[in-house]
Amino acid sequence: MRAYGAEVELIPGARQDTADEAQRQAERMFYASHNWQAFFLQGTKTLAYELWEDIGFRAPDNVLIPTGAGSNVLGCDIGFGELLRCGEIERLPRLFAVQPANCGSPLRELRLGR
């Protein structure tokens, strides 16, 4: 980012500390978080399509998804849902959000509307 002229400010602490500081600074400038962009989840849904293709055009039974803010979980839900509605798969896989213990957040369980 610096190579392209961006001013980079390192925030000590955990990922949440960085997110909190970005929110604070967004009060005085535009914050272009990828999670806030209208089409971002439409991009993350391609993970579901790639998995479907890589394992022979079928849905896996389970998908373990490394998770930060949860966008890959939501993207997989969108992608596999589209594959189901199009008749390309017969059932949805179970999606599991996984995260290292030292990166844990207050969110313990995410239930998608199924």
PDB file of N, CA and C in Angstrom:
ATOM      1  N   MET A   1       0.819  -1.179   0.000  1.00  0.00           N
ATOM      2  CA  MET A   1       0.000   0.000   0.000  1.00  0.00           C
ATOM      3  C   MET A   1       0.867   1.248   0.000  1.00  0.00           C
ATOM      4  N   ARG A   2       1.924   1.188   0.758  1.00  0.00           N
ATOM      5  CA  ARG A   2       2.840   2.351   0.785  1.00  0.00           C
ATOM      6  C   ARG A   2       3.445   2.611  -0.594  1.00  0.00           C
ATOM      7  N   ALA A   3       3.727   1.526  -1.340  1.00  0.00           N
ATOM      8  CA  ALA A   3       4.323   1.678  -2.667  1.00  0.00           C
ATOM      9  C   ALA A   3       3.418   2.476  -3.602  1.00  0.00           C
ATOM     10  N   TYR A   4       2.139   2.475  -3.341  1.00  0.00           N
ATOM     11  CA  TYR A   4       1.192   3.233  -4.160  1.00  0.00           C
ATOM     12  C   TYR A   4       0.818   4.568  -3.529  1.00  0.00           C
ATOM     13  N   GLY A   5       1.545   4.938  -2.477  1.00  0.00           N
ATOM     14  CA  GLY A   5       1.351   6.256  -1.900  1.00  0.00           C
ATOM     15  C   GLY A   5       0.390   6.336  -0.729  1.00  0.00           C
ATOM     16  N   ALA A   6      -0.087   5.206  -0.249  1.00  0.00           N
ATOM     17  CA  ALA A   6      -1.024   5.232   0.875  1.00  0.00           C
ATOM     18  C   ALA A   6      -0.297   5.535   2.175  1.00  0.00           C
ATOM     19  N   GLU A   7      -0.957   6.241   3.034  1.00  0.00           N
ATOM     20  CA  GLU A   7      -0.444   6.457   4.389  1.00  0.00           C
ATOM     21  C   GLU A   7      -0.899   5.271   5.220  1.00  0.00           C
ATOM     22  N   VAL A   8       0.030   4.553   5.803  1.00  0.00           N
ATOM     23  CA  VAL A   8      -0.282   3.347   6.572  1.00  0.00           C
ATOM     24  C   VAL A   8      -0.055   3.627   8.047  1.00  0.00           C
ATOM     25  N   GLU A   9      -1.056   3.364   8.846  1.00  0.00           N
ATOM     26  CA  GLU A   9      -0.943   3.535  10.289  1.00  0.00           C
ATOM     27  C   GLU A   9      -1.124   2.168  10.937  1.00  0.00           C
ATOM     28  N   LEU A  10      -0.093   1.698  11.603  1.00  0.00           N
ATOM     29  CA  LEU A  10      -0.163   0.406  12.277  1.00  0.00           C
ATOM     30  C   LEU A  10      -0.855   0.578  13.624  1.00  0.00           C
ATOM     31  N   ILE A  11      -1.804  -0.297  13.909  1.00  0.00           N
ATOM     32  CA  ILE A  11      -2.558  -0.253  15.163  1.00  0.00           C
ATOM     33  C   ILE A  11      -2.137  -1.458  16.002  1.00  0.00           C
ATOM     34  N   PRO A  12      -1.583  -1.224  17.176  1.00  0.00           N
ATOM     35  CA  PRO A  12      -1.181  -2.360  18.018  1.00  0.00           C
ATOM     36  C   PRO A  12      -2.408  -3.071  18.582  1.00  0.00           C
ATOM     37  N   GLY A  13      -2.233  -4.351  18.858  1.00  0.00           N
ATOM     38  CA  GLY A  13      -3.314  -5.120  19.467  1.00  0.00           C
ATOM     39  C   GLY A  13      -3.887  -6.156  18.527  1.00  0.00           C
ATOM     40  N   ALA A  14      -5.101  -6.556  18.828  1.00  0.00           N
ATOM     41  CA  ALA A  14      -5.780  -7.608  18.082  1.00  0.00           C
ATOM     42  C   ALA A  14      -6.511  -7.045  16.867  1.00  0.00           C
ATOM     43  N   ARG A  15      -7.057  -7.929  16.066  1.00  0.00           N
ATOM     44  CA  ARG A  15      -7.836  -7.535  14.882  1.00  0.00           C
ATOM     45  C   ARG A  15      -8.978  -6.596  15.275  1.00  0.00           C
ATOM     46  N   GLN A  16      -9.618  -6.873  16.382  1.00  0.00           N
ATOM     47  CA  GLN A  16     -10.738  -6.032  16.825  1.00  0.00           C
ATOM     48  C   GLN A  16     -10.274  -4.619  17.144  1.00  0.00           C
ATOM     49  N   ASP A  17      -9.070  -4.481  17.696  1.00  0.00           N
ATOM     50  CA  ASP A  17      -8.519  -3.147  17.957  1.00  0.00           C
ATOM     51  C   ASP A  17      -8.372  -2.360  16.653  1.00  0.00           C
ATOM     52  N   THR A  18      -7.923  -3.043  15.618  1.00  0.00           N
ATOM     53  CA  THR A  18      -7.785  -2.404  14.309  1.00  0.00           C
ATOM     54  C   THR A  18      -9.148  -1.996  13.759  1.00  0.00           C
ATOM     55  N   ALA A  19     -10.130  -2.887  13.857  1.00  0.00           N
ATOM     56  CA  ALA A  19     -11.483  -2.581  13.377  1.00  0.00           C
ATOM     57  C   ALA A  19     -12.082  -1.408  14.154  1.00  0.00           C
ATOM     58  N   ASP A  20     -11.881  -1.398  15.464  1.00  0.00           N
ATOM     59  CA  ASP A  20     -12.407  -0.307  16.293  1.00  0.00           C
ATOM     60  C   ASP A  20     -11.783   1.030  15.897  1.00  0.00           C
ATOM     61  N   GLU A  21     -10.474   1.026  15.645  1.00  0.00           N
ATOM     62  CA  GLU A  21      -9.804   2.263  15.243  1.00  0.00           C
ATOM     63  C   GLU A  21     -10.293   2.722  13.868  1.00  0.00           C
ATOM     64  N   ALA A  22     -10.505   1.793  12.965  1.00  0.00           N
ATOM     65  CA  ALA A  22     -11.040   2.160  11.646  1.00  0.00           C
ATOM     66  C   ALA A  22     -12.414   2.802  11.785  1.00  0.00           C
ATOM     67  N   GLN A  23     -13.236   2.279  12.670  1.00  0.00           N
ATOM     68  CA  GLN A  23     -14.557   2.869  12.910  1.00  0.00           C
ATOM     69  C   GLN A  23     -14.423   4.286  13.462  1.00  0.00           C
ATOM     70  N   ARG A  24     -13.509   4.465  14.416  1.00  0.00           N
ATOM     71  CA  ARG A  24     -13.290   5.809  14.988  1.00  0.00           C
ATOM     72  C   ARG A  24     -12.867   6.801  13.904  1.00  0.00           C
ATOM     73  N   GLN A  25     -11.924   6.368  13.075  1.00  0.00           N
ATOM     74  CA  GLN A  25     -11.437   7.270  12.042  1.00  0.00           C
ATOM     75  C   GLN A  25     -12.465   7.489  10.936  1.00  0.00           C
ATOM     76  N   ALA A  26     -13.395   6.565  10.759  1.00  0.00           N
ATOM     77  CA  ALA A  26     -14.433   6.712   9.734  1.00  0.00           C
ATOM     78  C   ALA A  26     -15.382   7.860  10.042  1.00  0.00           C
ATOM     79  N   GLU A  27     -15.374   8.325  11.286  1.00  0.00           N
ATOM     80  CA  GLU A  27     -16.226   9.461  11.642  1.00  0.00           C
ATOM     81  C   GLU A  27     -15.750  10.746  10.966  1.00  0.00           C
ATOM     82  N   ARG A  28     -14.484  10.780  10.537  1.00  0.00           N
ATOM     83  CA  ARG A  28     -13.966  11.991   9.900  1.00  0.00           C
ATOM     84  C   ARG A  28     -13.503  11.769   8.461  1.00  0.00           C
ATOM     85  N   MET A  29     -13.578  10.541   7.962  1.00  0.00           N
ATOM     86  CA  MET A  29     -13.190  10.259   6.575  1.00  0.00           C
ATOM     87  C   MET A  29     -13.949   9.035   6.085  1.00  0.00           C
ATOM     88  N   PHE A  30     -13.911   8.771   4.792  1.00  0.00           N
ATOM     89  CA  PHE A  30     -14.578   7.600   4.204  1.00  0.00           C
ATOM     90  C   PHE A  30     -13.782   6.349   4.516  1.00  0.00           C
ATOM     91  N   TYR A  31     -14.458   5.328   5.013  1.00  0.00           N
ATOM     92  CA  TYR A  31     -13.827   4.039   5.304  1.00  0.00           C
ATOM     93  C   TYR A  31     -14.346   3.022   4.293  1.00  0.00           C
ATOM     94  N   ALA A  32     -13.475   2.547   3.435  1.00  0.00           N
ATOM     95  CA  ALA A  32     -13.874   1.647   2.347  1.00  0.00           C
ATOM     96  C   ALA A  32     -13.674   0.191   2.734  1.00  0.00           C
ATOM     97  N   SER A  33     -14.285  -0.243   3.818  1.00  0.00           N
ATOM     98  CA  SER A  33     -14.168  -1.652   4.220  1.00  0.00           C
ATOM     99  C   SER A  33     -14.751  -2.547   3.136  1.00  0.00           C
ATOM    100  N   HIS A  34     -14.024  -3.587   2.809  1.00  0.00           N
ATOM    101  CA  HIS A  34     -14.530  -4.519   1.796  1.00  0.00           C
ATOM    102  C   HIS A  34     -15.856  -5.136   2.223  1.00  0.00           C
ATOM    103  N   ASN A  35     -16.068  -5.331   3.505  1.00  0.00           N
ATOM    104  CA  ASN A  35     -17.323  -5.933   3.971  1.00  0.00           C
ATOM    105  C   ASN A  35     -18.519  -5.010   3.795  1.00  0.00           C
ATOM    106  N   TRP A  36     -18.287  -3.735   3.564  1.00  0.00           N
ATOM    107  CA  TRP A  36     -19.393  -2.791   3.394  1.00  0.00           C
ATOM    108  C   TRP A  36     -19.724  -2.547   1.933  1.00  0.00           C
ATOM    109  N   GLN A  37     -18.961  -3.112   1.031  1.00  0.00           N
ATOM    110  CA  GLN A  37     -19.206  -2.887  -0.389  1.00  0.00           C
ATOM    111  C   GLN A  37     -20.355  -3.772  -0.875  1.00  0.00           C
ATOM    112  N   ALA A  38     -21.211  -3.204  -1.687  1.00  0.00           N
ATOM    113  CA  ALA A  38     -22.460  -3.859  -2.094  1.00  0.00           C
ATOM    114  C   ALA A  38     -22.255  -5.225  -2.747  1.00  0.00           C
ATOM    115  N   PHE A  39     -21.209  -5.395  -3.528  1.00  0.00           N
ATOM    116  CA  PHE A  39     -21.031  -6.640  -4.257  1.00  0.00           C
ATOM    117  C   PHE A  39     -19.967  -7.559  -3.670  1.00  0.00           C
ATOM    118  N   PHE A  40     -19.448  -7.236  -2.507  1.00  0.00           N
ATOM    119  CA  PHE A  40     -18.367  -8.040  -1.941  1.00  0.00           C
ATOM    120  C   PHE A  40     -18.791  -9.490  -1.710  1.00  0.00           C
ATOM    121  N   LEU A  41     -19.958  -9.713  -1.113  1.00  0.00           N
ATOM    122  CA  LEU A  41     -20.401 -11.087  -0.851  1.00  0.00           C
ATOM    123  C   LEU A  41     -20.650 -11.853  -2.147  1.00  0.00           C
ATOM    124  N   GLN A  42     -21.018 -11.132  -3.208  1.00  0.00           N
ATOM    125  CA  GLN A  42     -21.187 -11.800  -4.496  1.00  0.00           C
ATOM    126  C   GLN A  42     -19.844 -12.339  -4.997  1.00  0.00           C
ATOM    127  N   GLY A  43     -18.765 -11.700  -4.603  1.00  0.00           N
ATOM    128  CA  GLY A  43     -17.437 -12.209  -4.943  1.00  0.00           C
ATOM    129  C   GLY A  43     -17.043 -13.390  -4.088  1.00  0.00           C
ATOM    130  N   THR A  44     -17.395 -13.338  -2.791  1.00  0.00           N
ATOM    131  CA  THR A  44     -16.992 -14.438  -1.916  1.00  0.00           C
ATOM    132  C   THR A  44     -17.788 -15.704  -2.189  1.00  0.00           C
ATOM    133  N   LYS A  45     -18.944 -15.584  -2.828  1.00  0.00           N
ATOM    134  CA  LYS A  45     -19.732 -16.783  -3.126  1.00  0.00           C
ATOM    135  C   LYS A  45     -19.015 -17.704  -4.095  1.00  0.00           C
ATOM    136  N   THR A  46     -18.034 -17.165  -4.839  1.00  0.00           N
ATOM    137  CA  THR A  46     -17.328 -18.013  -5.803  1.00  0.00           C
ATOM    138  C   THR A  46     -16.549 -19.127  -5.114  1.00  0.00           C
ATOM    139  N   LEU A  47     -16.272 -18.988  -3.815  1.00  0.00           N
ATOM    140  CA  LEU A  47     -15.641 -20.078  -3.064  1.00  0.00           C
ATOM    141  C   LEU A  47     -16.501 -21.335  -3.150  1.00  0.00           C
ATOM    142  N   ALA A  48     -17.815 -21.196  -3.023  1.00  0.00           N
ATOM    143  CA  ALA A  48     -18.723 -22.344  -3.118  1.00  0.00           C
ATOM    144  C   ALA A  48     -18.649 -22.969  -4.504  1.00  0.00           C
ATOM    145  N   TYR A  49     -18.636 -22.133  -5.547  1.00  0.00           N
ATOM    146  CA  TYR A  49     -18.560 -22.640  -6.914  1.00  0.00           C
ATOM    147  C   TYR A  49     -17.238 -23.366  -7.159  1.00  0.00           C
ATOM    148  N   GLU A  50     -16.146 -22.835  -6.618  1.00  0.00           N
ATOM    149  CA  GLU A  50     -14.841 -23.475  -6.796  1.00  0.00           C
ATOM    150  C   GLU A  50     -14.789 -24.825  -6.094  1.00  0.00           C
ATOM    151  N   LEU A  51     -15.322 -24.897  -4.879  1.00  0.00           N
ATOM    152  CA  LEU A  51     -15.350 -26.179  -4.170  1.00  0.00           C
ATOM    153  C   LEU A  51     -16.196 -27.194  -4.935  1.00  0.00           C
ATOM    154  N   TRP A  52     -17.369 -26.768  -5.397  1.00  0.00           N
ATOM    155  CA  TRP A  52     -18.284 -27.619  -6.163  1.00  0.00           C
ATOM    156  C   TRP A  52     -17.581 -28.170  -7.407  1.00  0.00           C
ATOM    157  N   GLU A  53     -16.894 -27.315  -8.114  1.00  0.00           N
ATOM    158  CA  GLU A  53     -16.195 -27.738  -9.329  1.00  0.00           C
ATOM    159  C   GLU A  53     -15.029 -28.663  -9.009  1.00  0.00           C
ATOM    160  N   ASP A  54     -14.232 -28.302  -7.994  1.00  0.00           N
ATOM    161  CA  ASP A  54     -13.026 -29.072  -7.667  1.00  0.00           C
ATOM    162  C   ASP A  54     -13.314 -30.494  -7.216  1.00  0.00           C
ATOM    163  N   ILE A  55     -14.483 -30.727  -6.625  1.00  0.00           N
ATOM    164  CA  ILE A  55     -14.769 -32.097  -6.150  1.00  0.00           C
ATOM    165  C   ILE A  55     -15.769 -32.814  -7.063  1.00  0.00           C
ATOM    166  N   GLY A  56     -15.755 -32.450  -8.323  1.00  0.00           N
ATOM    167  CA  GLY A  56     -16.542 -33.196  -9.303  1.00  0.00           C
ATOM    168  C   GLY A  56     -17.976 -32.726  -9.450  1.00  0.00           C
ATOM    169  N   PHE A  57     -18.214 -31.442  -9.294  1.00  0.00           N
ATOM    170  CA  PHE A  57     -19.543 -30.856  -9.477  1.00  0.00           C
ATOM    171  C   PHE A  57     -20.574 -31.476  -8.528  1.00  0.00           C
ATOM    172  N   ARG A  58     -20.191 -31.536  -7.272  1.00  0.00           N
ATOM    173  CA  ARG A  58     -21.108 -31.974  -6.211  1.00  0.00           C
ATOM    174  C   ARG A  58     -20.801 -31.166  -4.962  1.00  0.00           C
ATOM    175  N   ALA A  59     -21.724 -31.166  -4.043  1.00  0.00           N
ATOM    176  CA  ALA A  59     -21.537 -30.424  -2.789  1.00  0.00           C
ATOM    177  C   ALA A  59     -20.841 -31.314  -1.769  1.00  0.00           C
ATOM    178  N   PRO A  60     -19.903 -30.763  -1.027  1.00  0.00           N
ATOM    179  CA  PRO A  60     -19.316 -31.539   0.070  1.00  0.00           C
ATOM    180  C   PRO A  60     -20.352 -31.693   1.186  1.00  0.00           C
ATOM    181  N   ASP A  61     -20.122 -32.627   2.078  1.00  0.00           N
ATOM    182  CA  ASP A  61     -21.021 -32.776   3.228  1.00  0.00           C
ATOM    183  C   ASP A  61     -20.864 -31.605   4.196  1.00  0.00           C
ATOM    184  N   ASN A  62     -19.628 -31.201   4.417  1.00  0.00           N
ATOM    185  CA  ASN A  62     -19.299 -30.148   5.381  1.00  0.00           C
ATOM    186  C   ASN A  62     -18.217 -29.246   4.799  1.00  0.00           C
ATOM    187  N   VAL A  63     -18.247 -27.978   5.187  1.00  0.00           N
ATOM    188  CA  VAL A  63     -17.199 -27.044   4.792  1.00  0.00           C
ATOM    189  C   VAL A  63     -16.744 -26.309   6.047  1.00  0.00           C
ATOM    190  N   LEU A  64     -15.457 -26.423   6.366  1.00  0.00           N
ATOM    191  CA  LEU A  64     -14.857 -25.682   7.473  1.00  0.00           C
ATOM    192  C   LEU A  64     -14.255 -24.411   6.891  1.00  0.00           C
ATOM    193  N   ILE A  65     -14.694 -23.261   7.385  1.00  0.00           N
ATOM    194  CA  ILE A  65     -14.302 -21.993   6.788  1.00  0.00           C
ATOM    195  C   ILE A  65     -13.569 -21.131   7.807  1.00  0.00           C
ATOM    196  N   PRO A  66     -12.264 -20.868   7.584  1.00  0.00           N
ATOM    197  CA  PRO A  66     -11.558 -19.932   8.463  1.00  0.00           C
ATOM    198  C   PRO A  66     -12.298 -18.593   8.442  1.00  0.00           C
ATOM    199  N   THR A  67     -12.525 -18.045   9.625  1.00  0.00           N
ATOM    200  CA  THR A  67     -13.442 -16.908   9.718  1.00  0.00           C
ATOM    201  C   THR A  67     -12.835 -15.740  10.468  1.00  0.00           C
ATOM    202  N   GLY A  68     -13.016 -14.565   9.904  1.00  0.00           N
ATOM    203  CA  GLY A  68     -12.692 -13.305  10.575  1.00  0.00           C
ATOM    204  C   GLY A  68     -14.007 -12.609  10.838  1.00  0.00           C
ATOM    205  N   ALA A  69     -14.477 -11.858   9.851  1.00  0.00           N
ATOM    206  CA  ALA A  69     -15.750 -11.149   9.979  1.00  0.00           C
ATOM    207  C   ALA A  69     -16.927 -11.988   9.508  1.00  0.00           C
ATOM    208  N   GLY A  70     -16.666 -13.141   8.902  1.00  0.00           N
ATOM    209  CA  GLY A  70     -17.750 -14.039   8.489  1.00  0.00           C
ATOM    210  C   GLY A  70     -18.159 -13.923   7.031  1.00  0.00           C
ATOM    211  N   SER A  71     -17.473 -13.098   6.254  1.00  0.00           N
ATOM    212  CA  SER A  71     -17.904 -12.901   4.869  1.00  0.00           C
ATOM    213  C   SER A  71     -17.763 -14.168   4.022  1.00  0.00           C
ATOM    214  N   ASN A  72     -16.767 -15.000   4.278  1.00  0.00           N
ATOM    215  CA  ASN A  72     -16.652 -16.245   3.508  1.00  0.00           C
ATOM    216  C   ASN A  72     -17.753 -17.235   3.866  1.00  0.00           C
ATOM    217  N   VAL A  73     -18.206 -17.235   5.119  1.00  0.00           N
ATOM    218  CA  VAL A  73     -19.333 -18.083   5.512  1.00  0.00           C
ATOM    219  C   VAL A  73     -20.593 -17.629   4.773  1.00  0.00           C
ATOM    220  N   LEU A  74     -20.849 -16.327   4.796  1.00  0.00           N
ATOM    221  CA  LEU A  74     -22.018 -15.791   4.107  1.00  0.00           C
ATOM    222  C   LEU A  74     -21.926 -16.022   2.600  1.00  0.00           C
ATOM    223  N   GLY A  75     -20.730 -15.834   2.041  1.00  0.00           N
ATOM    224  CA  GLY A  75     -20.543 -16.078   0.617  1.00  0.00           C
ATOM    225  C   GLY A  75     -20.806 -17.526   0.246  1.00  0.00           C
ATOM    226  N   CYS A  76     -20.314 -18.464   1.044  1.00  0.00           N
ATOM    227  CA  CYS A  76     -20.567 -19.887   0.774  1.00  0.00           C
ATOM    228  C   CYS A  76     -22.063 -20.196   0.863  1.00  0.00           C
ATOM    229  N   ASP A  77     -22.743 -19.591   1.813  1.00  0.00           N
ATOM    230  CA  ASP A  77     -24.182 -19.795   1.926  1.00  0.00           C
ATOM    231  C   ASP A  77     -24.899 -19.300   0.670  1.00  0.00           C
ATOM    232  N   ILE A  78     -24.504 -18.144   0.173  1.00  0.00           N
ATOM    233  CA  ILE A  78     -25.101 -17.608  -1.060  1.00  0.00           C
ATOM    234  C   ILE A  78     -24.797 -18.538  -2.236  1.00  0.00           C
ATOM    235  N   GLY A  79     -23.534 -18.915  -2.408  1.00  0.00           N
ATOM    236  CA  GLY A  79     -23.133 -19.739  -3.549  1.00  0.00           C
ATOM    237  C   GLY A  79     -23.782 -21.109  -3.555  1.00  0.00           C
ATOM    238  N   PHE A  80     -23.739 -21.809  -2.424  1.00  0.00           N
ATOM    239  CA  PHE A  80     -24.354 -23.138  -2.384  1.00  0.00           C
ATOM    240  C   PHE A  80     -25.877 -23.031  -2.514  1.00  0.00           C
ATOM    241  N   GLY A  81     -26.461 -21.962  -1.980  1.00  0.00           N
ATOM    242  CA  GLY A  81     -27.898 -21.743  -2.152  1.00  0.00           C
ATOM    243  C   GLY A  81     -28.266 -21.572  -3.616  1.00  0.00           C
ATOM    244  N   GLU A  82     -27.455 -20.843  -4.363  1.00  0.00           N
ATOM    245  CA  GLU A  82     -27.700 -20.676  -5.802  1.00  0.00           C
ATOM    246  C   GLU A  82     -27.574 -22.006  -6.535  1.00  0.00           C
ATOM    247  N   LEU A  83     -26.552 -22.787  -6.184  1.00  0.00           N
ATOM    248  CA  LEU A  83     -26.376 -24.095  -6.820  1.00  0.00           C
ATOM    249  C   LEU A  83     -27.569 -25.009  -6.538  1.00  0.00           C
ATOM    250  N   LEU A  84     -28.093 -24.943  -5.331  1.00  0.00           N
ATOM    251  CA  LEU A  84     -29.260 -25.752  -4.978  1.00  0.00           C
ATOM    252  C   LEU A  84     -30.486 -25.311  -5.790  1.00  0.00           C
ATOM    253  N   ARG A  85     -30.732 -24.010  -5.831  1.00  0.00           N
ATOM    254  CA  ARG A  85     -31.897 -23.497  -6.560  1.00  0.00           C
ATOM    255  C   ARG A  85     -31.818 -23.776  -8.058  1.00  0.00           C
ATOM    256  N   CYS A  86     -30.608 -23.870  -8.594  1.00  0.00           N
ATOM    257  CA  CYS A  86     -30.432 -24.166 -10.022  1.00  0.00           C
ATOM    258  C   CYS A  86     -30.456 -25.664 -10.315  1.00  0.00           C
ATOM    259  N   GLY A  87     -30.568 -26.482  -9.279  1.00  0.00           N
ATOM    260  CA  GLY A  87     -30.614 -27.925  -9.472  1.00  0.00           C
ATOM    261  C   GLY A  87     -29.259 -28.572  -9.677  1.00  0.00           C
ATOM    262  N   GLU A  88     -28.180 -27.848  -9.399  1.00  0.00           N
ATOM    263  CA  GLU A  88     -26.840 -28.396  -9.586  1.00  0.00           C
ATOM    264  C   GLU A  88     -26.394 -29.274  -8.413  1.00  0.00           C
ATOM    265  N   ILE A  89     -26.990 -29.060  -7.241  1.00  0.00           N
ATOM    266  CA  ILE A  89     -26.725 -29.908  -6.078  1.00  0.00           C
ATOM    267  C   ILE A  89     -28.069 -30.307  -5.471  1.00  0.00           C
ATOM    268  N   GLU A  90     -28.073 -31.417  -4.740  1.00  0.00           N
ATOM    269  CA  GLU A  90     -29.316 -31.925  -4.165  1.00  0.00           C
ATOM    270  C   GLU A  90     -29.547 -31.461  -2.733  1.00  0.00           C
ATOM    271  N   ARG A  91     -28.482 -31.018  -2.070  1.00  0.00           N
ATOM    272  CA  ARG A  91     -28.601 -30.590  -0.675  1.00  0.00           C
ATOM    273  C   ARG A  91     -27.505 -29.590  -0.366  1.00  0.00           C
ATOM    274  N   LEU A  92     -27.745 -28.800   0.652  1.00  0.00           N
ATOM    275  CA  LEU A  92     -26.744 -27.829   1.097  1.00  0.00           C
ATOM    276  C   LEU A  92     -25.746 -28.497   2.032  1.00  0.00           C
ATOM    277  N   PRO A  93     -24.475 -28.144   1.928  1.00  0.00           N
ATOM    278  CA  PRO A  93     -23.511 -28.654   2.905  1.00  0.00           C
ATOM    279  C   PRO A  93     -23.677 -27.913   4.231  1.00  0.00           C
ATOM    280  N   ARG A  94     -23.200 -28.513   5.291  1.00  0.00           N
ATOM    281  CA  ARG A  94     -23.142 -27.831   6.584  1.00  0.00           C
ATOM    282  C   ARG A  94     -21.914 -26.931   6.566  1.00  0.00           C
ATOM    283  N   LEU A  95     -22.107 -25.684   6.957  1.00  0.00           N
ATOM    284  CA  LEU A  95     -21.020 -24.711   6.976  1.00  0.00           C
ATOM    285  C   LEU A  95     -20.594 -24.461   8.414  1.00  0.00           C
ATOM    286  N   PHE A  96     -19.297 -24.569   8.671  1.00  0.00           N
ATOM    287  CA  PHE A  96     -18.753 -24.351  10.003  1.00  0.00           C
ATOM    288  C   PHE A  96     -17.753 -23.205   9.957  1.00  0.00           C
ATOM    289  N   ALA A  97     -17.966 -22.202  10.768  1.00  0.00           N
ATOM    290  CA  ALA A  97     -17.014 -21.100  10.907  1.00  0.00           C
ATOM    291  C   ALA A  97     -15.984 -21.519  11.950  1.00  0.00           C
ATOM    292  N   VAL A  98     -14.708 -21.477  11.585  1.00  0.00           N
ATOM    293  CA  VAL A  98     -13.642 -21.870  12.508  1.00  0.00           C
ATOM    294  C   VAL A  98     -12.663 -20.716  12.671  1.00  0.00           C
ATOM    295  N   GLN A  99     -12.083 -20.652  13.849  1.00  0.00           N
ATOM    296  CA  GLN A  99     -11.188 -19.555  14.164  1.00  0.00           C
ATOM    297  C   GLN A  99     -10.240 -20.007  15.276  1.00  0.00           C
ATOM    298  N   PRO A 100      -8.960 -19.624  15.207  1.00  0.00           N
ATOM    299  CA  PRO A 100      -8.049 -19.978  16.292  1.00  0.00           C
ATOM    300  C   PRO A 100      -8.561 -19.421  17.625  1.00  0.00           C
ATOM    301  N   ALA A 101      -8.330 -20.149  18.692  1.00  0.00           N
ATOM    302  CA  ALA A 101      -8.831 -19.748  20.012  1.00  0.00           C
ATOM    303  C   ALA A 101      -8.362 -18.352  20.415  1.00  0.00           C
ATOM    304  N   ASN A 102      -7.125 -17.976  20.074  1.00  0.00           N
ATOM    305  CA  ASN A 102      -6.629 -16.664  20.497  1.00  0.00           C
ATOM    306  C   ASN A 102      -7.135 -15.517  19.622  1.00  0.00           C
ATOM    307  N   CYS A 103      -7.945 -15.829  18.623  1.00  0.00           N
ATOM    308  CA  CYS A 103      -8.553 -14.787  17.776  1.00  0.00           C
ATOM    309  C   CYS A 103     -10.055 -14.720  18.003  1.00  0.00           C
ATOM    310  N   GLY A 104     -10.529 -15.363  19.049  1.00  0.00           N
ATOM    311  CA  GLY A 104     -11.957 -15.454  19.304  1.00  0.00           C
ATOM    312  C   GLY A 104     -12.617 -14.110  19.513  1.00  0.00           C
ATOM    313  N   SER A 105     -13.882 -14.065  19.209  1.00  0.00           N
ATOM    314  CA  SER A 105     -14.681 -12.858  19.408  1.00  0.00           C
ATOM    315  C   SER A 105     -15.908 -13.229  20.239  1.00  0.00           C
ATOM    316  N   PRO A 106     -16.684 -12.240  20.655  1.00  0.00           N
ATOM    317  CA  PRO A 106     -17.889 -12.534  21.422  1.00  0.00           C
ATOM    318  C   PRO A 106     -18.903 -13.372  20.647  1.00  0.00           C
ATOM    319  N   LEU A 107     -18.852 -13.337  19.313  1.00  0.00           N
ATOM    320  CA  LEU A 107     -19.771 -14.134  18.506  1.00  0.00           C
ATOM    321  C   LEU A 107     -19.371 -15.597  18.620  1.00  0.00           C
ATOM    322  N   ARG A 108     -20.216 -16.404  19.179  1.00  0.00           N
ATOM    323  CA  ARG A 108     -19.903 -17.817  19.380  1.00  0.00           C
ATOM    324  C   ARG A 108     -20.634 -18.703  18.368  1.00  0.00           C
ATOM    325  N   GLU A 109     -21.769 -18.269  17.872  1.00  0.00           N
ATOM    326  CA  GLU A 109     -22.541 -19.128  16.990  1.00  0.00           C
ATOM    327  C   GLU A 109     -23.280 -18.260  15.977  1.00  0.00           C
ATOM    328  N   LEU A 110     -23.203 -18.665  14.742  1.00  0.00           N
ATOM    329  CA  LEU A 110     -23.907 -17.964  13.672  1.00  0.00           C
ATOM    330  C   LEU A 110     -24.858 -18.969  13.047  1.00  0.00           C
ATOM    331  N   ARG A 111     -26.139 -18.698  13.118  1.00  0.00           N
ATOM    332  CA  ARG A 111     -27.127 -19.580  12.520  1.00  0.00           C
ATOM    333  C   ARG A 111     -27.701 -18.898  11.287  1.00  0.00           C
ATOM    334  N   LEU A 112     -27.499 -19.534  10.155  1.00  0.00           N
ATOM    335  CA  LEU A 112     -28.043 -19.003   8.919  1.00  0.00           C
ATOM    336  C   LEU A 112     -29.496 -19.443   8.825  1.00  0.00           C
ATOM    337  N   GLY A 113     -30.302 -18.686   8.129  1.00  0.00           N
ATOM    338  CA  GLY A 113     -31.732 -18.965   8.061  1.00  0.00           C
ATOM    339  C   GLY A 113     -32.087 -20.192   7.258  1.00  0.00           C
ATOM    340  N   ARG A 114     -31.802 -21.347   7.800  1.00  0.00           N
ATOM    341  CA  ARG A 114     -32.176 -22.610   7.147  1.00  0.00           C
ATOM    342  C   ARG A 114     -32.988 -23.445   8.081  1.00  0.00           C
TER     343      ARG A 114
END
